[in-house]
Amino acid sequence: MVKIIIESQKRGAVVQPELHGQFIEFLGSGIYDGIWVGEDSSIPNYHGLRKDVVDALKVIKPPVLRWPGGCFADVYHWRDGIGPRKERPTYFNENFGTMTRENNEFGTHEFMKLCELVGAKPWFNINMLTGSTRETREWVEYVNRETGTSLANERAANGRSEPYNVEYWGIGNESWAGGGNYTAQAYADEYRKHTSAIPSFGVGLPWVKTSKEMKMIAVGPDGNKPKERVEWTKDFFNELGKYRKPRINGYDLHFYNWNLEDSKDLITDFSIDAWYRVINGHLN
């Protein structure tokens, strides 16, 4: 007689849904016209967000949305994207030589409205290249502090009295390239500074009751360079393991599918075999 024993208490490997998140970037029509059209647009919208795009994202149900980049995160100053839209500064977004005019209409509150409408958790990428640790700290304070500070009051004045409780914070973007051309050791030093500057909101203190524990996500290596990505990872974690260790909850490896050579490989019709062919094309 054959017996089948079902061990209901044992669990296998768990794939975290956050691994299937998405990111939005200030590049081409990725945000402007693609997601944001403004409240006065003739295109149907929710508070300036394109209705058709929001409705489509609701169906996809991305667990996480990463913003403001891409490379724009390396020059983005969060204060440029809050307050009355007509008073926000205008300058050029020079990423990839596009010289796109940036008016900052889509900022912190607009992004959070998008996340709210589609049911996604927000992932904010801080500006490590042209920003400062003070800027990082104040952005976290602005979005996550409940009450009682000038920044929390400013957020309330801009239309949001309750804190956003943003959980995921990316520390820089592609810091091995245009985000500063850091070595792994130099990036580890900056990572320590920025994660140390972020307020804790009392997390870890037994006498403080709070649910504001945040997750720090480090920038990984250039995933399209097999040897470099291994060495970068080793160097980074060797540096991070020295002396007092900073908080780290994730490692953000960047990998781009450049080798889409088969004309049958379409975004809307992509086979499993094609997926593995693209991935394996970078492992040789």
Protein backbone atom coordinates (compact mmCIF):
# COMPACT_ATOMS: atom_id res chain seq x y z
CA MET A 1 0.00 0.00 0.00
CA VAL A 2 1.30 3.43 -0.95
CA LYS A 3 0.98 6.22 1.60
CA ILE A 4 1.03 9.91 0.81
CA ILE A 5 1.85 12.17 3.74
CA ILE A 6 0.93 15.82 3.42
CA GLU A 7 2.98 18.02 5.75
CA SER A 8 0.78 21.08 5.88
CA GLN A 9 3.08 22.96 8.29
CA LYS A 10 6.13 22.84 6.04
CA ARG A 11 6.69 25.48 3.42
CA GLY A 12 8.95 25.50 0.40
CA ALA A 13 10.76 28.40 -1.15
CA VAL A 14 8.80 31.65 -1.12
CA VAL A 15 9.02 34.09 -4.00
CA GLN A 16 8.37 37.54 -2.60
CA PRO A 17 5.77 39.38 -4.72
CA GLU A 18 7.85 42.57 -4.46
CA LEU A 19 10.36 40.97 -6.86
CA HIS A 20 7.78 41.51 -9.60
CA GLY A 21 7.49 45.25 -9.08
CA GLN A 22 8.01 47.91 -11.73
CA PHE A 23 9.67 51.28 -12.03
CA ILE A 24 8.75 54.50 -13.74
CA GLU A 25 11.28 56.95 -15.11
CA PHE A 26 11.43 60.52 -16.39
CA LEU A 27 12.50 59.43 -19.87
CA GLY A 28 10.70 60.20 -23.11
CA SER A 29 6.97 59.82 -22.54
CA GLY A 30 7.42 57.39 -19.66
CA ILE A 31 5.79 59.79 -17.23
CA TYR A 32 4.73 62.96 -19.03
CA ASP A 33 1.93 62.07 -21.47
CA GLY A 34 2.47 58.42 -20.58
CA ILE A 35 1.26 58.59 -16.96
CA TRP A 36 0.82 62.28 -16.18
CA VAL A 37 -1.25 64.60 -18.41
CA GLY A 38 -2.43 67.12 -15.83
CA GLU A 39 -5.86 67.80 -14.40
CA ASP A 40 -6.79 70.22 -17.19
CA SER A 41 -6.04 67.74 -19.99
CA SER A 42 -8.70 66.65 -22.49
CA ILE A 43 -7.40 63.11 -21.96
CA PRO A 44 -9.53 61.37 -19.28
CA ASN A 45 -7.60 61.35 -16.02
CA TYR A 46 -7.71 60.80 -12.28
CA HIS A 47 -6.25 63.90 -10.61
CA GLY A 48 -3.98 64.41 -13.65
CA LEU A 49 -3.03 60.72 -14.00
CA ARG A 50 -4.10 59.11 -17.28
CA LYS A 51 -7.23 57.07 -16.66
CA ASP A 52 -6.42 54.38 -19.23
CA VAL A 53 -2.94 53.82 -17.79
CA VAL A 54 -4.15 53.74 -14.20
CA ASP A 55 -6.93 51.32 -15.13
CA ALA A 56 -4.45 49.06 -16.93
CA LEU A 57 -2.07 49.09 -13.95
CA LYS A 58 -4.95 48.14 -11.67
CA VAL A 59 -5.34 44.98 -13.73
CA ILE A 60 -1.61 44.20 -13.69
CA LYS A 61 -1.45 44.88 -9.93
CA PRO A 62 2.27 45.75 -9.61
CA PRO A 63 3.24 45.13 -5.97
CA VAL A 64 5.86 47.91 -6.00
CA LEU A 65 6.52 51.03 -8.09
CA ARG A 66 10.04 52.49 -8.06
CA TRP A 67 10.54 56.23 -8.62
CA PRO A 68 11.95 58.83 -9.58
CA GLY A 69 14.31 56.88 -11.77
CA GLY A 70 16.33 55.66 -13.50
CA CYS A 71 19.05 58.16 -13.98
CA PHE A 72 16.84 61.13 -13.19
CA ALA A 73 17.03 60.11 -9.53
CA ASP A 74 20.69 61.17 -9.55
CA VAL A 75 19.77 64.81 -10.16
CA TYR A 76 16.30 64.94 -8.64
CA HIS A 77 15.73 67.22 -5.66
CA TRP A 78 12.48 66.28 -4.00
CA ARG A 79 11.59 69.84 -3.01
CA ASP A 80 11.29 70.73 -6.70
CA GLY A 81 8.26 68.43 -6.87
CA ILE A 82 6.08 69.66 -4.01
CA GLY A 83 3.84 72.67 -3.51
CA PRO A 84 1.74 74.49 -6.14
CA ARG A 85 2.61 73.07 -9.56
CA LYS A 86 2.78 76.45 -11.26
CA GLU A 87 5.48 77.52 -8.82
CA ARG A 88 7.73 74.49 -9.28
CA PRO A 89 11.07 75.06 -11.04
CA THR A 90 11.69 74.21 -14.70
CA TYR A 91 14.98 72.93 -16.10
CA PHE A 92 16.33 70.40 -18.59
CA ASN A 93 16.45 66.68 -18.00
CA GLU A 94 19.65 65.82 -19.88
CA ASN A 95 19.60 62.06 -19.34
CA PHE A 96 20.52 60.09 -22.47
CA GLY A 97 20.96 63.37 -24.33
CA THR A 98 17.21 63.91 -24.63
CA MET A 99 17.27 67.47 -23.27
CA THR A 100 13.65 67.13 -22.15
CA ARG A 101 12.15 70.10 -20.37
CA GLU A 102 11.27 69.15 -16.78
CA ASN A 103 8.58 71.19 -15.05
CA ASN A 104 8.28 68.97 -11.97
CA GLU A 105 4.50 68.67 -12.20
CA PHE A 106 4.82 65.02 -11.25
CA GLY A 107 6.35 64.92 -7.77
CA THR A 108 6.02 63.20 -4.42
CA HIS A 109 2.27 63.68 -3.94
CA GLU A 110 1.42 62.80 -7.54
CA PHE A 111 3.49 59.63 -7.34
CA MET A 112 1.84 58.62 -4.09
CA LYS A 113 -1.60 59.18 -5.64
CA LEU A 114 -0.60 56.85 -8.47
CA CYS A 115 0.50 54.17 -5.99
CA GLU A 116 -2.73 54.59 -4.06
CA LEU A 117 -4.90 54.22 -7.17
CA VAL A 118 -3.17 51.10 -8.49
CA GLY A 119 -2.60 49.50 -5.09
CA ALA A 120 1.22 49.42 -5.25
CA LYS A 121 3.77 50.03 -2.52
CA PRO A 122 6.07 53.00 -3.24
CA TRP A 123 9.84 52.66 -3.56
CA PHE A 124 11.63 56.02 -3.38
CA ASN A 125 15.15 56.35 -4.77
CA ILE A 126 17.17 59.01 -3.00
CA ASN A 127 19.55 61.36 -4.82
CA MET A 128 23.06 60.32 -3.86
CA LEU A 129 24.94 62.06 -6.68
CA THR A 130 23.85 65.71 -6.40
CA GLY A 131 21.84 65.52 -3.19
CA SER A 132 23.00 65.44 0.42
CA THR A 133 22.41 63.35 3.52
CA ARG A 134 20.35 66.24 4.89
CA GLU A 135 18.18 66.16 1.79
CA THR A 136 17.70 62.42 2.19
CA ARG A 137 16.75 62.77 5.84
CA GLU A 138 14.29 65.59 5.19
CA TRP A 139 12.54 63.72 2.36
CA VAL A 140 11.95 60.75 4.66
CA GLU A 141 10.79 63.11 7.40
CA TYR A 142 8.42 64.87 4.98
CA VAL A 143 6.65 61.74 3.81
CA ASN A 144 6.72 59.62 6.98
CA ARG A 145 6.57 61.86 10.08
CA GLU A 146 3.12 61.89 11.70
CA THR A 147 2.85 65.35 13.27
CA GLY A 148 4.71 67.89 15.31
CA THR A 149 7.49 68.92 12.96
CA SER A 150 7.80 71.65 10.34
CA LEU A 151 8.15 69.11 7.55
CA ALA A 152 5.08 67.15 8.65
CA ASN A 153 3.16 70.43 8.78
CA GLU A 154 4.41 71.33 5.32
CA ARG A 155 3.20 68.00 3.95
CA ALA A 156 -0.21 68.66 5.52
CA ALA A 157 -0.30 72.13 3.96
CA ASN A 158 0.37 70.48 0.60
CA GLY A 159 -2.70 68.31 0.97
CA ARG A 160 -1.70 65.24 2.97
CA SER A 161 -2.21 65.35 6.73
CA GLU A 162 -1.54 61.63 7.33
CA PRO A 163 1.98 60.24 6.84
CA TYR A 164 2.58 58.13 3.76
CA ASN A 165 4.64 55.51 5.64
CA VAL A 166 6.91 54.80 2.68
CA GLU A 167 8.69 51.53 3.42
CA TYR A 168 11.22 51.04 0.61
CA TRP A 169 14.16 53.41 0.13
CA GLY A 170 16.69 52.90 -2.64
CA ILE A 171 20.07 54.39 -1.75
CA GLY A 172 21.20 55.85 -5.05
CA ASN A 173 20.69 54.68 -8.62
CA GLU A 174 23.32 52.95 -10.76
CA SER A 175 26.10 54.42 -8.65
CA TRP A 176 28.59 52.27 -10.54
CA ALA A 177 27.89 54.36 -13.67
CA GLY A 178 26.34 57.78 -14.31
CA GLY A 179 25.23 57.99 -10.71
CA GLY A 180 28.77 58.82 -9.65
CA ASN A 181 31.07 56.16 -11.13
CA TYR A 182 31.72 54.97 -7.59
CA THR A 183 33.91 52.04 -6.80
CA ALA A 184 32.15 49.48 -4.63
CA GLN A 185 34.15 50.68 -1.62
CA ALA A 186 33.31 54.34 -2.19
CA TYR A 187 29.64 53.54 -2.68
CA ALA A 188 29.65 51.51 0.54
CA ASP A 189 30.91 54.62 2.38
CA GLU A 190 28.11 56.76 0.92
CA TYR A 191 25.58 54.04 1.66
CA ARG A 192 26.63 54.09 5.31
CA LYS A 193 26.20 57.87 5.50
CA HIS A 194 22.77 58.05 3.90
CA THR A 195 21.26 55.11 5.75
CA SER A 196 22.60 56.50 9.02
CA ALA A 197 21.05 59.91 8.28
CA ILE A 198 17.56 58.51 7.77
CA PRO A 199 15.41 58.97 10.90
CA SER A 200 14.44 55.80 12.74
CA PHE A 201 11.09 57.05 14.10
CA GLY A 202 11.87 55.13 17.27
CA VAL A 203 12.12 51.71 15.62
CA GLY A 204 14.17 49.40 17.83
CA LEU A 205 13.38 51.27 21.03
CA PRO A 206 11.30 49.07 23.37
CA TRP A 207 9.43 52.05 24.83
CA VAL A 208 8.30 53.38 21.43
CA LYS A 209 5.36 51.76 19.66
CA THR A 210 5.69 52.31 15.91
CA SER A 211 5.24 50.44 12.65
CA LYS A 212 7.53 52.71 10.64
CA GLU A 213 10.36 50.27 10.07
CA MET A 214 11.87 51.05 6.67
CA LYS A 215 13.80 48.86 4.28
CA MET A 216 17.11 50.08 2.86
CA ILE A 217 17.99 48.88 -0.64
CA ALA A 218 21.57 49.08 -1.85
CA VAL A 219 22.55 49.61 -5.48
CA GLY A 220 23.92 46.47 -7.03
CA PRO A 221 26.51 46.21 -9.82
CA ASP A 222 26.25 46.45 -13.60
CA GLY A 223 24.49 43.15 -14.24
CA ASN A 224 25.44 43.18 -17.91
CA LYS A 225 29.11 42.66 -17.05
CA PRO A 226 29.43 39.11 -15.66
CA LYS A 227 32.90 39.44 -14.13
CA GLU A 228 32.49 42.97 -12.84
CA ARG A 229 29.16 42.23 -11.16
CA VAL A 230 30.75 39.39 -9.17
CA GLU A 231 33.74 41.47 -8.07
CA TRP A 232 31.59 44.51 -7.27
CA THR A 233 29.30 42.43 -5.09
CA LYS A 234 32.21 40.85 -3.22
CA ASP A 235 33.89 44.22 -2.68
CA PHE A 236 30.69 45.92 -1.53
CA PHE A 237 29.74 43.32 1.05
CA ASN A 238 33.33 43.03 2.27
CA GLU A 239 33.29 46.77 2.96
CA LEU A 240 29.85 46.68 4.52
CA GLY A 241 30.90 43.85 6.83
CA LYS A 242 33.67 45.88 8.44
CA TYR A 243 33.16 47.33 11.92
CA ARG A 244 29.61 48.53 12.61
CA LYS A 245 27.23 47.29 9.95
CA PRO A 246 24.56 49.61 8.50
CA ARG A 247 21.01 48.54 7.80
CA ILE A 248 20.48 46.69 4.52
CA ASN A 249 17.37 44.87 3.38
CA GLY A 250 17.84 44.50 -0.35
CA TYR A 251 20.37 44.51 -3.18
CA ASP A 252 19.30 46.08 -6.48
CA LEU A 253 21.01 44.38 -9.42
CA HIS A 254 20.58 46.21 -12.74
CA PHE A 255 20.34 44.05 -15.85
CA TYR A 256 19.25 45.12 -19.33
CA ASN A 257 18.00 42.94 -22.18
CA TRP A 258 19.93 44.41 -25.08
CA ASN A 259 20.06 41.22 -27.16
CA LEU A 260 16.49 41.15 -28.50
CA GLU A 261 17.56 39.94 -31.93
CA ASP A 262 14.62 37.76 -32.94
CA SER A 263 11.89 39.74 -34.68
CA LYS A 264 9.36 37.46 -32.98
CA ASP A 265 10.34 38.79 -29.54
CA LEU A 266 7.59 41.28 -28.91
CA ILE A 267 6.74 42.97 -25.60
CA THR A 268 3.18 41.70 -25.92
CA ASP A 269 4.13 38.21 -27.11
CA PHE A 270 7.23 36.92 -25.38
CA SER A 271 7.78 33.18 -24.96
CA ILE A 272 9.53 31.31 -22.16
CA ASP A 273 12.19 30.10 -24.60
CA ALA A 274 12.83 33.67 -25.72
CA TRP A 275 13.20 34.77 -22.08
CA TYR A 276 15.88 32.18 -21.36
CA ARG A 277 17.66 32.96 -24.62
CA VAL A 278 17.90 36.63 -23.64
CA ILE A 279 19.10 35.83 -20.10
CA ASN A 280 21.63 33.25 -21.27
CA GLY A 281 22.97 35.67 -23.83
CA HIS A 282 24.66 37.64 -21.03
CA LEU A 283 26.15 34.69 -19.19
CA ASN A 284 28.83 33.78 -21.70
